[in-house]
Amino acid sequence: MARTKYLEHRLVADRESMHAALKKIIVPELRRLGFKGTYPHFRRFGSNHTDLLGFQFDKYGDDLFIAEIAQAPGTGFYISKWGEEYQREKLKYYQVTEARYRLQPRLGGGGESWFSYASEEYDEVARSLFPHLERAEKYFANTSHTEGLQSLSTPPPVYGSMNQEQPGR
């Protein structure tokens, strides 16, 4: 029982250390790139789209995380494929039902394709995201540029205007 409590405490402490490293190293870079928001959810508003970036940690407590990006078309409200409506000022990457991608060190599924901070080199792991942020910027500038990005979309993606009325409304 004491060992379990120790491991739970260590996992929480490790995750908090990784959060701190991302806030210290990556968040200032996101601000420089024009993103607004509060960790772990960031938005950048364009004239006809919203760029989204967020961080997801392993739900089972392993020392793993990924960053996800999405671009929501239009302005005003975003309406998902399922008819859910979101204000773009509050939109989060996981609410976008069209083109959504993971920034991860290796393509593929499972924990081996996520960023690992098991080494406890939190700052180094955070800095390892910089090339992936460059890849995200290329995608945001031209959404057909998906090289090195792991798709979370169900092909073919459906793009609709955030200003578009839903059928039957």
C-alpha atoms as a PDB file:
ATOM      1  CA  MET A   1       0.000   0.000   0.000  1.00  0.00           C
ATOM      2  CA  ALA A   2       2.817   2.445   0.867  1.00  0.00           C
ATOM      3  CA  ARG A   3       4.565   1.636  -2.438  1.00  0.00           C
ATOM      4  CA  THR A   4       1.365   2.397  -4.373  1.00  0.00           C
ATOM      5  CA  LYS A   5       1.015   5.765  -2.608  1.00  0.00           C
ATOM      6  CA  TYR A   6       4.668   6.542  -3.380  1.00  0.00           C
ATOM      7  CA  LEU A   7       4.213   5.689  -7.074  1.00  0.00           C
ATOM      8  CA  GLU A   8       1.030   7.767  -7.303  1.00  0.00           C
ATOM      9  CA  HIS A   9       2.837  10.725  -5.700  1.00  0.00           C
ATOM     10  CA  ARG A  10       5.827  10.311  -8.050  1.00  0.00           C
ATOM     11  CA  LEU A  11       3.580  10.214 -11.132  1.00  0.00           C
ATOM     12  CA  VAL A  12       1.772  13.373 -10.051  1.00  0.00           C
ATOM     13  CA  ALA A  13       5.085  15.112  -9.269  1.00  0.00           C
ATOM     14  CA  ASP A  14       6.546  14.067 -12.635  1.00  0.00           C
ATOM     15  CA  ARG A  15       3.489  15.311 -14.520  1.00  0.00           C
ATOM     16  CA  GLU A  16       3.549  18.608 -12.631  1.00  0.00           C
ATOM     17  CA  SER A  17       7.249  18.991 -13.496  1.00  0.00           C
ATOM     18  CA  MET A  18       6.474  18.389 -17.178  1.00  0.00           C
ATOM     19  CA  HIS A  19       3.623  20.914 -17.073  1.00  0.00           C
ATOM     20  CA  ALA A  20       6.033  23.440 -15.538  1.00  0.00           C
ATOM     21  CA  ALA A  21       8.652  22.824 -18.261  1.00  0.00           C
ATOM     22  CA  LEU A  22       6.080  23.253 -21.038  1.00  0.00           C
ATOM     23  CA  LYS A  23       4.836  26.474 -19.450  1.00  0.00           C
ATOM     24  CA  LYS A  24       8.386  27.788 -19.067  1.00  0.00           C
ATOM     25  CA  ILE A  25       9.731  26.803 -22.501  1.00  0.00           C
ATOM     26  CA  ILE A  26       6.872  26.258 -24.959  1.00  0.00           C
ATOM     27  CA  VAL A  27       4.202  28.724 -23.841  1.00  0.00           C
ATOM     28  CA  PRO A  28       6.454  31.788 -24.419  1.00  0.00           C
ATOM     29  CA  GLU A  29       7.126  30.496 -27.955  1.00  0.00           C
ATOM     30  CA  LEU A  30       3.399  30.052 -28.555  1.00  0.00           C
ATOM     31  CA  ARG A  31       2.841  33.633 -27.372  1.00  0.00           C
ATOM     32  CA  ARG A  32       5.571  34.818 -29.754  1.00  0.00           C
ATOM     33  CA  LEU A  33       3.747  33.007 -32.570  1.00  0.00           C
ATOM     34  CA  GLY A  34       0.545  34.890 -31.698  1.00  0.00           C
ATOM     35  CA  PHE A  35      -1.352  32.243 -29.737  1.00  0.00           C
ATOM     36  CA  LYS A  36      -3.631  33.253 -26.887  1.00  0.00           C
ATOM     37  CA  GLY A  37      -5.201  31.114 -24.222  1.00  0.00           C
ATOM     38  CA  THR A  38      -4.329  29.326 -21.027  1.00  0.00           C
ATOM     39  CA  TYR A  39      -2.239  26.183 -20.784  1.00  0.00           C
ATOM     40  CA  PRO A  40      -3.052  23.574 -22.084  1.00  0.00           C
ATOM     41  CA  HIS A  41      -5.412  25.184 -24.687  1.00  0.00           C
ATOM     42  CA  PHE A  42      -4.234  27.828 -27.171  1.00  0.00           C
ATOM     43  CA  ARG A  43      -5.889  29.691 -30.061  1.00  0.00           C
ATOM     44  CA  ARG A  44      -4.700  32.032 -32.773  1.00  0.00           C
ATOM     45  CA  PHE A  45      -7.329  33.937 -34.701  1.00  0.00           C
ATOM     46  CA  GLY A  46      -6.889  34.502 -38.427  1.00  0.00           C
ATOM     47  CA  SER A  47      -9.128  36.522 -40.701  1.00  0.00           C
ATOM     48  CA  ASN A  48     -11.006  33.409 -41.839  1.00  0.00           C
ATOM     49  CA  HIS A  49      -9.906  30.604 -39.507  1.00  0.00           C
ATOM     50  CA  THR A  50      -8.785  29.723 -35.984  1.00  0.00           C
ATOM     51  CA  ASP A  51      -5.552  27.810 -35.319  1.00  0.00           C
ATOM     52  CA  LEU A  52      -5.727  25.571 -32.251  1.00  0.00           C
ATOM     53  CA  LEU A  53      -3.028  23.794 -30.264  1.00  0.00           C
ATOM     54  CA  GLY A  54      -3.288  21.841 -27.049  1.00  0.00           C
ATOM     55  CA  PHE A  55      -1.525  19.273 -24.918  1.00  0.00           C
ATOM     56  CA  GLN A  56      -2.871  15.875 -23.897  1.00  0.00           C
ATOM     57  CA  PHE A  57      -1.289  13.703 -21.219  1.00  0.00           C
ATOM     58  CA  ASP A  58      -1.662   9.948 -20.949  1.00  0.00           C
ATOM     59  CA  LYS A  59      -4.916   9.186 -19.163  1.00  0.00           C
ATOM     60  CA  TYR A  60      -3.450   6.120 -17.465  1.00  0.00           C
ATOM     61  CA  GLY A  61      -0.735   8.094 -15.684  1.00  0.00           C
ATOM     62  CA  ASP A  62       2.250   7.066 -17.794  1.00  0.00           C
ATOM     63  CA  ASP A  63       4.984   9.675 -18.355  1.00  0.00           C
ATOM     64  CA  LEU A  64       3.672  10.506 -21.842  1.00  0.00           C
ATOM     65  CA  PHE A  65       2.063  13.402 -23.680  1.00  0.00           C
ATOM     66  CA  ILE A  66       1.336  14.683 -27.175  1.00  0.00           C
ATOM     67  CA  ALA A  67       0.424  18.017 -28.676  1.00  0.00           C
ATOM     68  CA  GLU A  68      -2.557  18.273 -30.992  1.00  0.00           C
ATOM     69  CA  ILE A  69      -3.354  20.896 -33.595  1.00  0.00           C
ATOM     70  CA  ALA A  70      -6.442  21.755 -35.596  1.00  0.00           C
ATOM     71  CA  GLN A  71      -7.631  24.571 -37.789  1.00  0.00           C
ATOM     72  CA  ALA A  72     -11.271  25.577 -37.699  1.00  0.00           C
ATOM     73  CA  PRO A  73     -12.511  27.395 -40.793  1.00  0.00           C
ATOM     74  CA  GLY A  74     -14.546  30.590 -40.746  1.00  0.00           C
ATOM     75  CA  THR A  75     -15.274  33.166 -38.094  1.00  0.00           C
ATOM     76  CA  GLY A  76     -17.922  33.472 -35.415  1.00  0.00           C
ATOM     77  CA  PHE A  77     -19.282  30.106 -34.343  1.00  0.00           C
ATOM     78  CA  TYR A  78     -17.823  26.735 -35.297  1.00  0.00           C
ATOM     79  CA  ILE A  79     -20.353  23.970 -35.961  1.00  0.00           C
ATOM     80  CA  SER A  80     -19.006  20.418 -35.702  1.00  0.00           C
ATOM     81  CA  LYS A  81     -20.035  17.516 -37.952  1.00  0.00           C
ATOM     82  CA  TRP A  82     -22.407  16.497 -35.159  1.00  0.00           C
ATOM     83  CA  GLY A  83     -24.086  19.890 -35.014  1.00  0.00           C
ATOM     84  CA  GLU A  84     -22.419  21.088 -31.803  1.00  0.00           C
ATOM     85  CA  GLU A  85     -21.846  24.848 -31.797  1.00  0.00           C
ATOM     86  CA  TYR A  86     -18.803  26.527 -30.213  1.00  0.00           C
ATOM     87  CA  GLN A  87     -17.691  30.138 -29.911  1.00  0.00           C
ATOM     88  CA  ARG A  88     -14.271  30.393 -31.519  1.00  0.00           C
ATOM     89  CA  GLU A  89     -12.950  32.270 -28.470  1.00  0.00           C
ATOM     90  CA  LYS A  90     -13.608  29.119 -26.400  1.00  0.00           C
ATOM     91  CA  LEU A  91     -12.972  26.458 -29.043  1.00  0.00           C
ATOM     92  CA  LYS A  92     -10.536  23.677 -28.125  1.00  0.00           C
ATOM     93  CA  TYR A  93      -8.547  21.475 -30.492  1.00  0.00           C
ATOM     94  CA  TYR A  94     -10.474  18.299 -29.596  1.00  0.00           C
ATOM     95  CA  GLN A  95     -13.809  19.904 -30.512  1.00  0.00           C
ATOM     96  CA  VAL A  96     -12.802  20.279 -34.160  1.00  0.00           C
ATOM     97  CA  THR A  97     -14.268  17.319 -36.011  1.00  0.00           C
ATOM     98  CA  GLU A  98     -12.520  17.857 -39.334  1.00  0.00           C
ATOM     99  CA  ALA A  99      -8.767  18.110 -39.848  1.00  0.00           C
ATOM    100  CA  ARG A 100      -6.983  17.440 -36.566  1.00  0.00           C
ATOM    101  CA  TYR A 101      -3.406  16.245 -36.172  1.00  0.00           C
ATOM    102  CA  ARG A 102      -0.972  15.112 -33.520  1.00  0.00           C
ATOM    103  CA  LEU A 103       2.507  16.497 -33.089  1.00  0.00           C
ATOM    104  CA  GLN A 104       4.497  13.532 -31.847  1.00  0.00           C
ATOM    105  CA  PRO A 105       8.097  12.368 -32.043  1.00  0.00           C
ATOM    106  CA  ARG A 106       7.237   9.244 -34.075  1.00  0.00           C
ATOM    107  CA  LEU A 107       4.240   8.572 -36.283  1.00  0.00           C
ATOM    108  CA  GLY A 108       1.953   5.752 -35.251  1.00  0.00           C
ATOM    109  CA  GLY A 109      -0.312   4.837 -32.400  1.00  0.00           C
ATOM    110  CA  GLY A 110       0.346   3.787 -28.849  1.00  0.00           C
ATOM    111  CA  GLY A 111       2.625   5.178 -26.173  1.00  0.00           C
ATOM    112  CA  GLU A 112       5.812   4.629 -28.178  1.00  0.00           C
ATOM    113  CA  SER A 113       4.746   7.449 -30.517  1.00  0.00           C
ATOM    114  CA  TRP A 114       4.171   9.982 -27.701  1.00  0.00           C
ATOM    115  CA  PHE A 115       6.672  12.296 -26.014  1.00  0.00           C
ATOM    116  CA  SER A 116       8.097  10.568 -22.950  1.00  0.00           C
ATOM    117  CA  TYR A 117       9.365  12.373 -19.873  1.00  0.00           C
ATOM    118  CA  ALA A 118      10.285   9.192 -17.981  1.00  0.00           C
ATOM    119  CA  SER A 119      13.915  10.367 -18.146  1.00  0.00           C
ATOM    120  CA  GLU A 120      12.909  13.281 -15.882  1.00  0.00           C
ATOM    121  CA  GLU A 121      14.715  15.631 -18.320  1.00  0.00           C
ATOM    122  CA  TYR A 122      11.633  17.862 -18.455  1.00  0.00           C
ATOM    123  CA  ASP A 123      13.250  20.941 -20.044  1.00  0.00           C
ATOM    124  CA  GLU A 124      14.962  18.811 -22.690  1.00  0.00           C
ATOM    125  CA  VAL A 125      11.691  17.060 -23.545  1.00  0.00           C
ATOM    126  CA  ALA A 126       9.914  20.431 -23.781  1.00  0.00           C
ATOM    127  CA  ARG A 127      12.631  21.779 -26.111  1.00  0.00           C
ATOM    128  CA  SER A 128      12.210  18.700 -28.310  1.00  0.00           C
ATOM    129  CA  LEU A 129       8.827  20.162 -29.362  1.00  0.00           C
ATOM    130  CA  PHE A 130      10.389  23.084 -31.262  1.00  0.00           C
ATOM    131  CA  PRO A 131      10.760  21.216 -34.607  1.00  0.00           C
ATOM    132  CA  HIS A 132       7.181  20.015 -34.231  1.00  0.00           C
ATOM    133  CA  LEU A 133       5.961  23.583 -33.699  1.00  0.00           C
ATOM    134  CA  GLU A 134       7.693  24.470 -36.982  1.00  0.00           C
ATOM    135  CA  ARG A 135       5.798  21.612 -38.642  1.00  0.00           C
ATOM    136  CA  ALA A 136       2.556  22.929 -37.118  1.00  0.00           C
ATOM    137  CA  GLU A 137       3.272  26.418 -38.463  1.00  0.00           C
ATOM    138  CA  LYS A 138       3.718  24.979 -41.974  1.00  0.00           C
ATOM    139  CA  TYR A 139       0.375  23.227 -41.611  1.00  0.00           C
ATOM    140  CA  PHE A 140      -1.382  26.352 -40.340  1.00  0.00           C
ATOM    141  CA  ALA A 141       0.029  28.352 -43.278  1.00  0.00           C
ATOM    142  CA  ASN A 142      -1.085  25.710 -45.792  1.00  0.00           C
ATOM    143  CA  THR A 143      -3.431  22.988 -44.534  1.00  0.00           C
ATOM    144  CA  SER A 144      -2.387  20.630 -47.315  1.00  0.00           C
ATOM    145  CA  HIS A 145       1.101  20.466 -45.724  1.00  0.00           C
ATOM    146  CA  THR A 146       0.612  17.425 -43.452  1.00  0.00           C
ATOM    147  CA  GLU A 147       4.019  15.752 -43.761  1.00  0.00           C
ATOM    148  CA  GLY A 148       5.086  14.318 -40.408  1.00  0.00           C
ATOM    149  CA  LEU A 149       1.670  14.864 -38.819  1.00  0.00           C
ATOM    150  CA  GLN A 150      -0.444  12.014 -37.458  1.00  0.00           C
ATOM    151  CA  SER A 151      -4.034  12.474 -38.647  1.00  0.00           C
ATOM    152  CA  LEU A 152      -6.919  12.074 -36.213  1.00  0.00           C
ATOM    153  CA  SER A 153      -9.520  12.869 -38.880  1.00  0.00           C
ATOM    154  CA  THR A 154     -11.833  10.427 -40.508  1.00  0.00           C
ATOM    155  CA  PRO A 155     -11.119  10.767 -44.234  1.00  0.00           C
ATOM    156  CA  PRO A 156     -12.373  12.520 -46.170  1.00  0.00           C
ATOM    157  CA  PRO A 157     -12.461  15.623 -43.945  1.00  0.00           C
ATOM    158  CA  VAL A 158     -15.572  17.774 -44.205  1.00  0.00           C
ATOM    159  CA  TYR A 159     -15.006  21.524 -44.153  1.00  0.00           C
ATOM    160  CA  GLY A 160     -17.833  23.894 -43.382  1.00  0.00           C
ATOM    161  CA  SER A 161     -18.018  27.569 -42.575  1.00  0.00           C
ATOM    162  CA  MET A 162     -18.305  28.591 -38.959  1.00  0.00           C
ATOM    163  CA  ASN A 163     -20.897  31.118 -40.199  1.00  0.00           C
ATOM    164  CA  GLN A 164     -22.912  28.505 -42.051  1.00  0.00           C
ATOM    165  CA  GLU A 165     -26.408  27.816 -40.758  1.00  0.00           C
ATOM    166  CA  GLN A 166     -27.168  24.247 -39.801  1.00  0.00           C
ATOM    167  CA  PRO A 167     -29.827  22.532 -41.889  1.00  0.00           C
ATOM    168  CA  GLY A 168     -33.231  22.760 -40.234  1.00  0.00           C
ATOM    169  CA  ARG A 169     -32.398  25.816 -38.115  1.00  0.00           C
END
